[in-house]
Amino acid sequence: MWRFVGSLIFVSGALVGCAPLPALVTDSLVSERQTESDTVDILDTASHEIISASDTLTPTTSPETFVAIPPVAENAKATDSLDSITSPVPNNLSTMPPELNRPLQVGLLVGVSYANLTGKGSLMLSFNGDASEKHPAKGVLSVKRGKIVWQEENGPSYSTDSLIIDPSENELINLEKKNYRGRLRVSIQKGKLLIINSVSIEDYLKGVVPYEIGTLDSEAVEALKAQAVAARTYAYRHFGSRASQGFDVYADVKDQVYNGASGEVALTNTAVDATVGEVLTFDGTFIEAYYHSTCGGYTENLETWGQRGLPYLQSKPDFRPDGKAWCNESSYSHWKWIYTEKEFPELLRKNAADAKADKIPNFTKINEITILDRLPGGRVKTLLVETNKGTIKVKNDRTRWLFKRGTKILPSSNFEISKERDHWVIKGRGFGHGVGMCQMGVRARARAGQTYQEILSHYYPGTTLEHLVP
């Protein structure tokens, strides 16, 4: 069995100042992406770089396959010194696996009938693989009789089976009022348009990080770096994971929220550039770098999704030395939802399927709700709802769907529920599934002076910070 030469192993608890408290957070099996973000400043002046590498999607892994990282060069310097954690340039270099040495394929628009391009200037279009031609940047893409139709504004229309759109020099591609680096690949999938952004991994991150952790000031730049490493790891881990659909990742909460160059912020770009190529691995594979908004004082393990645990995704306390949670500045540190007794039965009947609850039709009254047991991080493991027609059981994180109002699920499954006269009251802590990195905690840790290496070592203990080199 080989191991990394020069890898730096994070040791849980070795670098962070958490109080020694006892053990007691897109929603699917990928991490949900709802975060408390500051207002995002939109900048359209970032420089543009044409992607010259091949952008052909060659599936190499199944959705559940880990991607192995090869050993680093023989001359890499080995170190296990904790002092080296604060080094601005990692010594643990690893050669980029060939299958990852290509642009990321991001599914921007999947299954749409039409899409608007509203840029200024011109674009380079390639119809059916022919040589690129210069065309105006404004027009509409649609589907007609099984063909892609490109209708230029105040100009002719073109019908094609495939279309590649590249920017002209010093330009970006404006699709649905968002600017994108790289190129767009347009095809037809199940009679609808599929538009994929073929973009370098680092440019992709510049359009992700501001929307995943917010636009922060310079005092929290280490938080941006930590988010960049986590998001980069997530992206590499999921290369080829949606190959059956023709791309790697979605541009929304199914994977990571990505808004292209329109979402870029100067400080965030600096954080991405400062960590270029850095990823987290465990036993030679990319980790599942899950993250969430607010843990409420304790992170959770994968049992909240009914999965087997991973050594680096375990429930652990997340408190400052003074006993306060690192994420206590979040408005979701503590929250309360109130339901009337009258609305509750209908609401629970409606949400039962989404919550994967036992089917008890036509009940009209809720007699009692009991939390039978909890997960290590305090989140609900088993919930029983006694109705006038039988008992409903709901497990783990799906309890959040049982109490959904409109499109909003319960902020967290770490809650208490009680009957107060003619109301049901749910009081809880945290926002999100609780697994992995707590983003509001990351912000506070960064402002307290912790480095991104220290932050990542706390939330992903035992992992290795690797530096991929093309």
Foldseek 3Di string as FASTA:
>chain_A
DDDAAQWEWQFAPPQDFFDPDDFQELPDLAFFQDADADDFDFDPQDWADEDDDDLAADFDDALPDFDFFDYADPPQHHDHDPVCLPPLDRSRATADDPNQPFFAKEFEDDFAFKWWWDDADWKWKDAPNHGTDIDGRTFMWGFDPQWIWTGHDVDHIDTGQKMKIAGDPRAFTAIRNFTAHYIWIWHDDPRHITIIHGHHLLQQLQQFLCSRQYDDDPLLLLLLLLSLQLLSLQQVRQRNHVVVRPGRYYCDRNGTPGRHSRRGDPSSSVSSVSQPQKYKAFPRGRDSQHEWAWQLFKFDFPCLNPDDGDPQWHIDGAHHNVGHHLLCVDPQNKDKDKDFQQCLVVLLQVQCVQQVKDDQPDFRGWDDKDQPDAGSNQFGAWIWTQTPRGIMIGGHFSVQSSNDDDNGTRQERNWDWDDDPRMIMIMGGHGTGRIFAHSSSSSSCSSVPDGSSSRNCNRRPRIIIYGYDD
